[in-house]
Amino acid sequence: MDAERTDLIEIIKQCRQGAPEAFKKLVEKFQQKAYGIACNIIRDRELARDISQESFIRVYRSLHRFDLNKKFSPWFYQIVVNLCFDYLRKVKTRKEVMGESAINGLPDGPHSNPAQQIIRAEERNKINNVLAKLPVKYQEVLILRDMQNFSSQESAQILNCNETTVRWRLFKAREKFKEKWESIQKHENL
């Protein structure tokens, strides 16, 4: 067992004993990635922040049930992904989420000029619109693998399926995304 995993297990044990500083360490370690996942799925910064905070509340409440023999991060990120898609299921239409809020989804770099920000926002909006047209199982795998850079193994743990399923869904998702993307590009160039 590596030192980082050992440290994380120790933090979890301290959290179970009610140590607020330990839980703060856990939040600091995972909050940025949780927020990034939520932003990629929800595409609204404020809502993503709320969902990532809710995920930590859920973790706090159920940390005593976490199996210390397993990796923490897939278990935690599964909570984030599930909360995001639970929210999306509650929304009457996906267009409410994908509309204007898509432009606010991902932060621009600190050195972007306004023109670059507009171009990036337009490009993100197109990507988000294509992504939204895919079935949820393809959205999940594209977000985890291509946008959040999780491995197939980590994605499988988060999605509660096997690696072969993740690879197959990723192949199909990329194929379908490419078809829809090319169709949009073709129509824009007419």
N, C-alpha and C. Protein backbone atom coordinates (compact mmCIF):
# COMPACT_ATOMS: atom_id res chain seq x y z
N MET A 1 0.85 -1.18 0.00
CA MET A 1 0.00 0.00 0.00
C MET A 1 0.90 1.24 0.00
N ASP A 2 0.60 2.18 -0.89
CA ASP A 2 1.44 3.37 -0.99
C ASP A 2 1.13 4.37 0.13
N ALA A 3 2.04 5.31 0.30
CA ALA A 3 1.94 6.29 1.40
C ALA A 3 0.70 7.16 1.28
N GLU A 4 0.37 7.55 0.04
CA GLU A 4 -0.80 8.42 -0.15
C GLU A 4 -2.09 7.71 0.27
N ARG A 5 -2.21 6.44 -0.10
CA ARG A 5 -3.40 5.65 0.27
C ARG A 5 -3.45 5.46 1.79
N THR A 6 -2.30 5.20 2.38
CA THR A 6 -2.22 5.03 3.83
C THR A 6 -2.65 6.33 4.54
N ASP A 7 -2.19 7.47 4.04
CA ASP A 7 -2.58 8.76 4.61
C ASP A 7 -4.09 8.98 4.48
N LEU A 8 -4.64 8.61 3.33
CA LEU A 8 -6.07 8.80 3.10
C LEU A 8 -6.88 7.91 4.04
N ILE A 9 -6.45 6.69 4.23
CA ILE A 9 -7.14 5.79 5.17
C ILE A 9 -7.11 6.37 6.57
N GLU A 10 -5.98 6.93 6.94
CA GLU A 10 -5.86 7.54 8.27
C GLU A 10 -6.81 8.74 8.40
N ILE A 11 -6.90 9.54 7.35
CA ILE A 11 -7.83 10.69 7.36
C ILE A 11 -9.26 10.20 7.51
N ILE A 12 -9.62 9.15 6.78
CA ILE A 12 -10.98 8.60 6.86
C ILE A 12 -11.27 8.08 8.26
N LYS A 13 -10.31 7.39 8.85
CA LYS A 13 -10.49 6.90 10.22
C LYS A 13 -10.71 8.06 11.20
N GLN A 14 -9.95 9.13 11.01
CA GLN A 14 -10.12 10.30 11.88
C GLN A 14 -11.49 10.95 11.67
N CYS A 15 -11.92 10.98 10.41
CA CYS A 15 -13.26 11.53 10.11
C CYS A 15 -14.34 10.72 10.82
N ARG A 16 -14.18 9.42 10.80
CA ARG A 16 -15.15 8.54 11.47
C ARG A 16 -15.21 8.79 12.97
N GLN A 17 -14.12 9.29 13.51
CA GLN A 17 -14.08 9.59 14.94
C GLN A 17 -14.56 11.02 15.23
N GLY A 18 -14.97 11.73 14.17
CA GLY A 18 -15.54 13.05 14.34
C GLY A 18 -14.55 14.20 14.32
N ALA A 19 -13.37 14.00 13.76
CA ALA A 19 -12.35 15.07 13.71
C ALA A 19 -12.64 16.02 12.55
N PRO A 20 -13.06 17.26 12.84
CA PRO A 20 -13.40 18.20 11.76
C PRO A 20 -12.20 18.55 10.88
N GLU A 21 -11.01 18.61 11.43
CA GLU A 21 -9.82 18.94 10.63
C GLU A 21 -9.54 17.85 9.61
N ALA A 22 -9.81 16.61 9.97
CA ALA A 22 -9.60 15.50 9.03
C ALA A 22 -10.57 15.61 7.86
N PHE A 23 -11.84 15.93 8.18
CA PHE A 23 -12.82 16.07 7.09
C PHE A 23 -12.46 17.25 6.19
N LYS A 24 -11.94 18.30 6.79
CA LYS A 24 -11.49 19.46 6.00
C LYS A 24 -10.39 19.03 5.03
N LYS A 25 -9.46 18.19 5.48
CA LYS A 25 -8.40 17.68 4.60
C LYS A 25 -9.00 16.87 3.44
N LEU A 26 -10.01 16.07 3.77
CA LEU A 26 -10.66 15.26 2.74
C LEU A 26 -11.32 16.15 1.69
N VAL A 27 -12.00 17.18 2.14
CA VAL A 27 -12.64 18.12 1.23
C VAL A 27 -11.60 18.82 0.37
N GLU A 28 -10.53 19.30 0.97
CA GLU A 28 -9.49 19.99 0.21
C GLU A 28 -8.86 19.09 -0.84
N LYS A 29 -8.72 17.83 -0.53
CA LYS A 29 -8.09 16.89 -1.45
C LYS A 29 -8.98 16.59 -2.67
N PHE A 30 -10.29 16.57 -2.48
CA PHE A 30 -11.19 16.11 -3.54
C PHE A 30 -12.13 17.17 -4.09
N GLN A 31 -12.17 18.36 -3.53
CA GLN A 31 -13.18 19.33 -3.95
C GLN A 31 -13.01 19.81 -5.39
N GLN A 32 -11.80 20.03 -5.83
CA GLN A 32 -11.58 20.55 -7.18
C GLN A 32 -12.04 19.56 -8.25
N LYS A 33 -11.69 18.30 -8.06
CA LYS A 33 -12.08 17.26 -9.02
C LYS A 33 -13.59 17.06 -9.00
N ALA A 34 -14.19 17.08 -7.80
CA ALA A 34 -15.64 16.93 -7.69
C ALA A 34 -16.35 18.07 -8.41
N TYR A 35 -15.86 19.27 -8.23
CA TYR A 35 -16.44 20.44 -8.90
C TYR A 35 -16.28 20.32 -10.42
N GLY A 36 -15.12 19.88 -10.87
CA GLY A 36 -14.88 19.72 -12.31
C GLY A 36 -15.82 18.71 -12.93
N ILE A 37 -16.02 17.60 -12.26
CA ILE A 37 -16.95 16.58 -12.76
C ILE A 37 -18.35 17.16 -12.83
N ALA A 38 -18.77 17.82 -11.77
CA ALA A 38 -20.12 18.40 -11.74
C ALA A 38 -20.28 19.47 -12.82
N CYS A 39 -19.27 20.30 -13.04
CA CYS A 39 -19.33 21.32 -14.10
C CYS A 39 -19.49 20.67 -15.47
N ASN A 40 -18.74 19.61 -15.71
CA ASN A 40 -18.82 18.94 -17.00
C ASN A 40 -20.17 18.29 -17.24
N ILE A 41 -20.80 17.82 -16.19
CA ILE A 41 -22.11 17.17 -16.36
C ILE A 41 -23.24 18.19 -16.34
N ILE A 42 -23.24 19.08 -15.38
CA ILE A 42 -24.34 20.03 -15.18
C ILE A 42 -24.21 21.25 -16.07
N ARG A 43 -22.98 21.72 -16.29
CA ARG A 43 -22.68 22.87 -17.13
C ARG A 43 -23.21 24.19 -16.56
N ASP A 44 -23.21 24.27 -15.26
CA ASP A 44 -23.60 25.48 -14.57
C ASP A 44 -22.74 25.58 -13.32
N ARG A 45 -21.96 26.63 -13.22
CA ARG A 45 -20.98 26.73 -12.13
C ARG A 45 -21.60 26.70 -10.75
N GLU A 46 -22.64 27.49 -10.54
CA GLU A 46 -23.27 27.55 -9.22
C GLU A 46 -23.90 26.22 -8.84
N LEU A 47 -24.61 25.63 -9.78
CA LEU A 47 -25.24 24.34 -9.54
C LEU A 47 -24.18 23.26 -9.29
N ALA A 48 -23.09 23.32 -10.04
CA ALA A 48 -21.99 22.36 -9.86
C ALA A 48 -21.39 22.52 -8.47
N ARG A 49 -21.25 23.74 -8.02
CA ARG A 49 -20.72 23.98 -6.68
C ARG A 49 -21.67 23.39 -5.62
N ASP A 50 -22.97 23.60 -5.81
CA ASP A 50 -23.95 23.05 -4.87
C ASP A 50 -23.90 21.53 -4.85
N ILE A 51 -23.82 20.93 -6.02
CA ILE A 51 -23.80 19.47 -6.10
C ILE A 51 -22.51 18.91 -5.50
N SER A 52 -21.39 19.55 -5.76
CA SER A 52 -20.14 19.05 -5.17
C SER A 52 -20.18 19.18 -3.65
N GLN A 53 -20.79 20.24 -3.14
CA GLN A 53 -20.94 20.39 -1.69
C GLN A 53 -21.89 19.31 -1.13
N GLU A 54 -22.96 19.06 -1.85
CA GLU A 54 -23.90 18.02 -1.43
C GLU A 54 -23.22 16.65 -1.41
N SER A 55 -22.30 16.43 -2.34
CA SER A 55 -21.60 15.15 -2.37
C SER A 55 -20.76 14.97 -1.09
N PHE A 56 -20.17 16.04 -0.60
CA PHE A 56 -19.40 15.93 0.63
C PHE A 56 -20.31 15.70 1.83
N ILE A 57 -21.49 16.26 1.80
CA ILE A 57 -22.46 16.00 2.88
C ILE A 57 -22.84 14.52 2.88
N ARG A 58 -23.08 13.99 1.68
CA ARG A 58 -23.41 12.56 1.57
C ARG A 58 -22.26 11.69 2.06
N VAL A 59 -21.05 12.08 1.68
CA VAL A 59 -19.87 11.33 2.13
C VAL A 59 -19.79 11.35 3.65
N TYR A 60 -19.96 12.52 4.22
CA TYR A 60 -19.87 12.66 5.68
C TYR A 60 -20.87 11.74 6.38
N ARG A 61 -22.08 11.69 5.83
CA ARG A 61 -23.14 10.88 6.44
C ARG A 61 -22.90 9.38 6.28
N SER A 62 -22.21 8.98 5.22
CA SER A 62 -22.06 7.54 4.97
C SER A 62 -20.63 7.04 5.04
N LEU A 63 -19.73 7.85 5.54
CA LEU A 63 -18.32 7.46 5.63
C LEU A 63 -18.12 6.22 6.50
N HIS A 64 -18.96 6.05 7.49
CA HIS A 64 -18.84 4.88 8.36
C HIS A 64 -19.10 3.57 7.61
N ARG A 65 -19.80 3.64 6.46
CA ARG A 65 -20.08 2.44 5.67
C ARG A 65 -19.03 2.17 4.60
N PHE A 66 -18.12 3.11 4.41
CA PHE A 66 -17.09 2.93 3.38
C PHE A 66 -16.14 1.81 3.77
N ASP A 67 -15.87 0.91 2.84
CA ASP A 67 -14.95 -0.22 3.04
C ASP A 67 -13.52 0.27 2.85
N LEU A 68 -12.74 0.26 3.90
CA LEU A 68 -11.37 0.77 3.85
C LEU A 68 -10.45 -0.08 2.96
N ASN A 69 -10.89 -1.24 2.56
CA ASN A 69 -10.10 -2.07 1.66
C ASN A 69 -10.26 -1.64 0.20
N LYS A 70 -11.19 -0.76 -0.06
CA LYS A 70 -11.43 -0.27 -1.42
C LYS A 70 -10.85 1.12 -1.57
N LYS A 71 -10.72 1.56 -2.84
CA LYS A 71 -10.23 2.91 -3.10
C LYS A 71 -11.36 3.91 -2.82
N PHE A 72 -10.99 5.00 -2.19
CA PHE A 72 -11.97 6.02 -1.83
C PHE A 72 -12.46 6.81 -3.04
N SER A 73 -11.53 7.22 -3.92
CA SER A 73 -11.90 8.15 -4.99
C SER A 73 -13.00 7.63 -5.91
N PRO A 74 -12.99 6.38 -6.38
CA PRO A 74 -14.12 5.94 -7.21
C PRO A 74 -15.45 5.96 -6.47
N TRP A 75 -15.42 5.59 -5.20
CA TRP A 75 -16.64 5.61 -4.40
C TRP A 75 -17.17 7.04 -4.29
N PHE A 76 -16.27 7.97 -4.02
CA PHE A 76 -16.67 9.37 -3.88
C PHE A 76 -17.17 9.93 -5.22
N TYR A 77 -16.41 9.71 -6.30
CA TYR A 77 -16.81 10.27 -7.59
C TYR A 77 -18.10 9.65 -8.11
N GLN A 78 -18.39 8.43 -7.70
CA GLN A 78 -19.67 7.83 -8.07
C GLN A 78 -20.81 8.61 -7.42
N ILE A 79 -20.59 9.06 -6.20
CA ILE A 79 -21.59 9.88 -5.51
C ILE A 79 -21.81 11.18 -6.28
N VAL A 80 -20.73 11.82 -6.71
CA VAL A 80 -20.84 13.08 -7.46
C VAL A 80 -21.61 12.85 -8.76
N VAL A 81 -21.21 11.83 -9.52
CA VAL A 81 -21.87 11.54 -10.81
C VAL A 81 -23.34 11.23 -10.59
N ASN A 82 -23.65 10.41 -9.60
CA ASN A 82 -25.04 10.06 -9.33
C ASN A 82 -25.87 11.29 -8.96
N LEU A 83 -25.32 12.17 -8.14
CA LEU A 83 -26.05 13.39 -7.79
C LEU A 83 -26.31 14.25 -9.02
N CYS A 84 -25.32 14.35 -9.89
CA CYS A 84 -25.49 15.15 -11.11
C CYS A 84 -26.60 14.59 -11.99
N PHE A 85 -26.55 13.30 -12.24
CA PHE A 85 -27.56 12.72 -13.12
C PHE A 85 -28.93 12.62 -12.44
N ASP A 86 -28.96 12.52 -11.13
CA ASP A 86 -30.24 12.61 -10.42
C ASP A 86 -30.86 13.99 -10.65
N TYR A 87 -30.02 15.01 -10.56
CA TYR A 87 -30.51 16.36 -10.80
C TYR A 87 -31.05 16.50 -12.23
N LEU A 88 -30.28 16.01 -13.19
CA LEU A 88 -30.70 16.14 -14.59
C LEU A 88 -32.00 15.40 -14.86
N ARG A 89 -32.22 14.29 -14.18
CA ARG A 89 -33.47 13.55 -14.36
C ARG A 89 -34.65 14.36 -13.83
N LYS A 90 -34.40 15.19 -12.81
CA LYS A 90 -35.47 15.98 -12.22
C LYS A 90 -35.82 17.21 -13.06
N VAL A 91 -34.89 17.63 -13.89
CA VAL A 91 -35.14 18.81 -14.72
C VAL A 91 -36.15 18.42 -15.80
N LYS A 92 -37.13 19.28 -16.02
CA LYS A 92 -38.17 18.94 -16.98
C LYS A 92 -37.62 18.69 -18.37
N THR A 93 -36.79 19.59 -18.87
CA THR A 93 -36.16 19.38 -20.17
C THR A 93 -34.68 19.65 -20.04
N ARG A 94 -33.88 18.92 -20.77
CA ARG A 94 -32.44 19.10 -20.72
C ARG A 94 -32.05 20.48 -21.27
N LYS A 95 -32.89 21.06 -22.08
CA LYS A 95 -32.57 22.37 -22.65
C LYS A 95 -32.48 23.44 -21.58
N GLU A 96 -33.20 23.28 -20.47
CA GLU A 96 -33.11 24.24 -19.38
C GLU A 96 -31.69 24.26 -18.82
N VAL A 97 -31.04 23.11 -18.80
CA VAL A 97 -29.68 23.02 -18.28
C VAL A 97 -28.67 23.40 -19.36
N MET A 98 -28.95 23.03 -20.61
CA MET A 98 -27.98 23.19 -21.67
C MET A 98 -28.00 24.58 -22.31
N GLY A 99 -28.99 25.38 -22.04
CA GLY A 99 -29.10 26.69 -22.69
C GLY A 99 -28.00 27.65 -22.31
N GLU A 100 -28.35 28.77 -21.76
CA GLU A 100 -27.39 29.81 -21.40
C GLU A 100 -26.35 29.33 -20.40
N SER A 101 -26.76 28.42 -19.52
CA SER A 101 -25.81 27.99 -18.49
C SER A 101 -24.63 27.23 -19.07
N ALA A 102 -24.75 26.71 -20.29
CA ALA A 102 -23.63 25.98 -20.89
C ALA A 102 -22.43 26.89 -21.08
N ILE A 103 -22.66 28.14 -21.36
CA ILE A 103 -21.56 29.08 -21.57
C ILE A 103 -20.80 29.29 -20.26
N ASN A 104 -21.48 29.18 -19.15
CA ASN A 104 -20.85 29.38 -17.85
C ASN A 104 -20.24 28.12 -17.27
N GLY A 105 -20.30 27.01 -17.99
CA GLY A 105 -19.91 25.71 -17.46
C GLY A 105 -18.49 25.59 -16.98
N LEU A 106 -17.52 25.88 -17.82
CA LEU A 106 -16.13 25.65 -17.45
C LEU A 106 -15.37 26.96 -17.42
N PRO A 107 -14.56 27.13 -16.41
CA PRO A 107 -13.83 28.39 -16.31
C PRO A 107 -12.77 28.53 -17.39
N ASP A 108 -12.56 29.76 -17.85
CA ASP A 108 -11.49 30.06 -18.80
C ASP A 108 -10.18 30.18 -18.05
N GLY A 109 -9.11 30.09 -18.79
CA GLY A 109 -7.79 30.24 -18.18
C GLY A 109 -7.60 31.66 -17.67
N PRO A 110 -6.69 31.85 -16.74
CA PRO A 110 -6.50 33.17 -16.12
C PRO A 110 -5.95 34.21 -17.08
N HIS A 111 -5.34 33.78 -18.19
CA HIS A 111 -4.72 34.73 -19.11
C HIS A 111 -5.49 34.87 -20.43
N SER A 112 -6.75 34.42 -20.45
CA SER A 112 -7.55 34.52 -21.67
C SER A 112 -8.01 35.96 -21.88
N ASN A 113 -7.96 36.40 -23.13
CA ASN A 113 -8.51 37.72 -23.41
C ASN A 113 -9.99 37.57 -23.74
N PRO A 114 -10.77 38.64 -23.76
CA PRO A 114 -12.21 38.54 -23.98
C PRO A 114 -12.58 37.84 -25.30
N ALA A 115 -11.85 38.11 -26.36
CA ALA A 115 -12.15 37.46 -27.64
C ALA A 115 -11.95 35.95 -27.54
N GLN A 116 -10.87 35.53 -26.89
CA GLN A 116 -10.62 34.09 -26.71
C GLN A 116 -11.70 33.47 -25.84
N GLN A 117 -12.15 34.19 -24.83
CA GLN A 117 -13.19 33.67 -23.96
C GLN A 117 -14.49 33.45 -24.72
N ILE A 118 -14.83 34.37 -25.60
CA ILE A 118 -16.05 34.25 -26.39
C ILE A 118 -15.95 33.04 -27.32
N ILE A 119 -14.82 32.89 -27.99
CA ILE A 119 -14.62 31.76 -28.90
C ILE A 119 -14.69 30.45 -28.12
N ARG A 120 -14.03 30.40 -26.97
CA ARG A 120 -14.05 29.18 -26.14
C ARG A 120 -15.47 28.88 -25.67
N ALA A 121 -16.20 29.92 -25.29
CA ALA A 121 -17.58 29.73 -24.82
C ALA A 121 -18.46 29.18 -25.94
N GLU A 122 -18.28 29.70 -27.15
CA GLU A 122 -19.06 29.21 -28.29
C GLU A 122 -18.71 27.75 -28.58
N GLU A 123 -17.44 27.42 -28.53
CA GLU A 123 -16.99 26.05 -28.78
C GLU A 123 -17.52 25.11 -27.69
N ARG A 124 -17.45 25.53 -26.44
CA ARG A 124 -17.98 24.71 -25.35
C ARG A 124 -19.48 24.51 -25.51
N ASN A 125 -20.16 25.55 -25.93
CA ASN A 125 -21.60 25.47 -26.13
C ASN A 125 -21.93 24.42 -27.19
N LYS A 126 -21.18 24.41 -28.28
CA LYS A 126 -21.38 23.41 -29.33
C LYS A 126 -21.12 22.01 -28.79
N ILE A 127 -20.02 21.86 -28.07
CA ILE A 127 -19.67 20.55 -27.49
C ILE A 127 -20.76 20.09 -26.53
N ASN A 128 -21.20 20.99 -25.68
CA ASN A 128 -22.25 20.65 -24.71
C ASN A 128 -23.55 20.26 -25.40
N ASN A 129 -23.90 20.96 -26.48
CA ASN A 129 -25.12 20.63 -27.20
C ASN A 129 -25.04 19.25 -27.85
N VAL A 130 -23.88 18.92 -28.41
CA VAL A 130 -23.70 17.59 -29.00
C VAL A 130 -23.73 16.54 -27.89
N LEU A 131 -23.04 16.80 -26.82
CA LEU A 131 -23.00 15.87 -25.69
C LEU A 131 -24.40 15.60 -25.15
N ALA A 132 -25.21 16.64 -25.07
CA ALA A 132 -26.57 16.51 -24.53
C ALA A 132 -27.46 15.64 -25.40
N LYS A 133 -27.11 15.49 -26.66
CA LYS A 133 -27.91 14.68 -27.58
C LYS A 133 -27.60 13.19 -27.47
N LEU A 134 -26.55 12.86 -26.73
CA LEU A 134 -26.17 11.47 -26.55
C LEU A 134 -26.93 10.86 -25.37
N PRO A 135 -27.14 9.55 -25.40
CA PRO A 135 -27.73 8.89 -24.22
C PRO A 135 -26.84 9.09 -22.99
N VAL A 136 -27.43 9.08 -21.82
CA VAL A 136 -26.72 9.34 -20.58
C VAL A 136 -25.52 8.41 -20.41
N LYS A 137 -25.66 7.14 -20.75
CA LYS A 137 -24.55 6.20 -20.55
C LYS A 137 -23.33 6.60 -21.38
N TYR A 138 -23.54 7.26 -22.52
CA TYR A 138 -22.42 7.74 -23.33
C TYR A 138 -21.88 9.07 -22.80
N GLN A 139 -22.77 9.91 -22.31
CA GLN A 139 -22.33 11.16 -21.70
C GLN A 139 -21.40 10.88 -20.52
N GLU A 140 -21.84 9.97 -19.66
CA GLU A 140 -21.06 9.65 -18.46
C GLU A 140 -19.63 9.23 -18.81
N VAL A 141 -19.52 8.30 -19.74
CA VAL A 141 -18.20 7.76 -20.05
C VAL A 141 -17.33 8.80 -20.76
N LEU A 142 -17.90 9.61 -21.63
CA LEU A 142 -17.13 10.66 -22.28
C LEU A 142 -16.62 11.69 -21.28
N ILE A 143 -17.47 12.07 -20.36
CA ILE A 143 -17.08 13.05 -19.35
C ILE A 143 -15.96 12.49 -18.47
N LEU A 144 -16.15 11.27 -18.00
CA LEU A 144 -15.15 10.70 -17.09
C LEU A 144 -13.82 10.44 -17.81
N ARG A 145 -13.86 9.85 -18.98
CA ARG A 145 -12.61 9.47 -19.67
C ARG A 145 -11.97 10.63 -20.41
N ASP A 146 -12.74 11.34 -21.22
CA ASP A 146 -12.15 12.36 -22.10
C ASP A 146 -12.08 13.75 -21.48
N MET A 147 -12.97 14.05 -20.56
CA MET A 147 -12.96 15.40 -19.99
C MET A 147 -12.31 15.43 -18.61
N GLN A 148 -12.46 14.35 -17.85
CA GLN A 148 -11.88 14.31 -16.50
C GLN A 148 -10.64 13.42 -16.43
N ASN A 149 -10.32 12.74 -17.51
CA ASN A 149 -9.10 11.92 -17.62
C ASN A 149 -9.01 10.78 -16.61
N PHE A 150 -10.14 10.20 -16.25
CA PHE A 150 -10.10 8.99 -15.43
C PHE A 150 -9.70 7.82 -16.31
N SER A 151 -9.05 6.83 -15.74
CA SER A 151 -8.70 5.62 -16.49
C SER A 151 -9.97 4.79 -16.72
N SER A 152 -9.87 3.78 -17.56
CA SER A 152 -11.00 2.88 -17.78
C SER A 152 -11.38 2.17 -16.48
N GLN A 153 -10.37 1.78 -15.73
CA GLN A 153 -10.61 1.09 -14.47
C GLN A 153 -11.33 2.01 -13.48
N GLU A 154 -10.86 3.24 -13.34
CA GLU A 154 -11.50 4.19 -12.43
C GLU A 154 -12.93 4.50 -12.89
N SER A 155 -13.11 4.68 -14.19
CA SER A 155 -14.44 4.96 -14.73
C SER A 155 -15.38 3.80 -14.46
N ALA A 156 -14.88 2.58 -14.62
CA ALA A 156 -15.69 1.39 -14.35
C ALA A 156 -16.14 1.36 -12.89
N GLN A 157 -15.24 1.70 -11.99
CA GLN A 157 -15.59 1.73 -10.57
C GLN A 157 -16.62 2.81 -10.28
N ILE A 158 -16.44 3.97 -10.87
CA ILE A 158 -17.38 5.08 -10.64
C ILE A 158 -18.76 4.74 -11.20
N LEU A 159 -18.79 4.13 -12.39
CA LEU A 159 -20.06 3.82 -13.06
C LEU A 159 -20.64 2.48 -12.64
N ASN A 160 -19.90 1.77 -11.79
CA ASN A 160 -20.35 0.48 -11.28
C ASN A 160 -20.60 -0.53 -12.41
N CYS A 161 -19.62 -0.64 -13.29
CA CYS A 161 -19.66 -1.62 -14.37
C CYS A 161 -18.23 -2.12 -14.60
N ASN A 162 -18.03 -2.99 -15.59
CA ASN A 162 -16.67 -3.49 -15.81
C ASN A 162 -15.94 -2.65 -16.87
N GLU A 163 -14.63 -2.85 -16.94
CA GLU A 163 -13.80 -2.06 -17.85
C GLU A 163 -14.16 -2.28 -19.32
N THR A 164 -14.53 -3.50 -19.66
CA THR A 164 -14.92 -3.80 -21.04
C THR A 164 -16.13 -2.97 -21.43
N THR A 165 -17.07 -2.85 -20.53
CA THR A 165 -18.27 -2.03 -20.79
C THR A 165 -17.88 -0.57 -20.98
N VAL A 166 -16.97 -0.09 -20.15
CA VAL A 166 -16.51 1.31 -20.27
C VAL A 166 -15.85 1.51 -21.63
N ARG A 167 -14.97 0.60 -22.02
CA ARG A 167 -14.28 0.76 -23.30
C ARG A 167 -15.27 0.71 -24.47
N TRP A 168 -16.24 -0.19 -24.40
CA TRP A 168 -17.23 -0.30 -25.47
C TRP A 168 -18.09 0.97 -25.53
N ARG A 169 -18.56 1.43 -24.38
CA ARG A 169 -19.36 2.65 -24.35
C ARG A 169 -18.56 3.85 -24.85
N LEU A 170 -17.30 3.90 -24.48
CA LEU A 170 -16.45 5.00 -24.93
C LEU A 170 -16.29 4.97 -26.44
N PHE A 171 -16.06 3.80 -26.98
CA PHE A 171 -15.94 3.65 -28.44
C PHE A 171 -17.22 4.13 -29.12
N LYS A 172 -18.37 3.64 -28.66
CA LYS A 172 -19.65 4.03 -29.25
C LYS A 172 -19.94 5.52 -29.02
N ALA A 173 -19.61 6.02 -27.85
CA ALA A 173 -19.86 7.43 -27.53
C ALA A 173 -19.05 8.34 -28.44
N ARG A 174 -17.78 8.01 -28.62
CA ARG A 174 -16.94 8.82 -29.51
C ARG A 174 -17.44 8.76 -30.94
N GLU A 175 -17.87 7.59 -31.35
CA GLU A 175 -18.41 7.41 -32.70
C GLU A 175 -19.66 8.27 -32.89
N LYS A 176 -20.58 8.19 -31.95
CA LYS A 176 -21.83 8.96 -32.05
C LYS A 176 -21.57 10.46 -31.93
N PHE A 177 -20.65 10.84 -31.03
CA PHE A 177 -20.30 12.24 -30.88
C PHE A 177 -19.74 12.77 -32.19
N LYS A 178 -18.82 12.02 -32.79
CA LYS A 178 -18.20 12.45 -34.04
C LYS A 178 -19.24 12.63 -35.14
N GLU A 179 -20.18 11.69 -35.25
CA GLU A 179 -21.25 11.80 -36.26
C GLU A 179 -22.06 13.08 -36.08
N LYS A 180 -22.47 13.32 -34.85
CA LYS A 180 -23.28 14.51 -34.56
C LYS A 180 -22.48 15.79 -34.76
N TRP A 181 -21.22 15.77 -34.35
CA TRP A 181 -20.34 16.93 -34.51
C TRP A 181 -20.16 17.26 -35.99
N GLU A 182 -19.85 16.25 -36.78
CA GLU A 182 -19.65 16.47 -38.21
C GLU A 182 -20.92 16.96 -38.89
N SER A 183 -22.05 16.48 -38.44
CA SER A 183 -23.32 16.94 -38.99
C SER A 183 -23.54 18.43 -38.71
N ILE A 184 -23.22 18.85 -37.49
CA ILE A 184 -23.35 20.27 -37.13
C ILE A 184 -22.38 21.11 -37.95
N GLN A 185 -21.13 20.66 -38.05
CA GLN A 185 -20.12 21.40 -38.82
C GLN A 185 -20.53 21.52 -40.29
N LYS A 186 -21.08 20.46 -40.83
CA LYS A 186 -21.52 20.45 -42.23
C LYS A 186 -22.62 21.50 -42.44
N HIS A 187 -23.56 21.56 -41.50
CA HIS A 187 -24.66 22.53 -41.62
C HIS A 187 -24.18 23.97 -41.44
N GLU A 188 -23.16 24.15 -40.59
CA GLU A 188 -22.63 25.49 -40.40
C GLU A 188 -21.87 25.99 -41.64
N ASN A 189 -21.29 25.07 -42.36
CA ASN A 189 -20.49 25.44 -43.53
C ASN A 189 -21.32 25.61 -44.80
N LEU A 190 -22.60 25.34 -44.74
CA LEU A 190 -23.46 25.49 -45.92
C LEU A 190 -23.78 26.95 -46.18
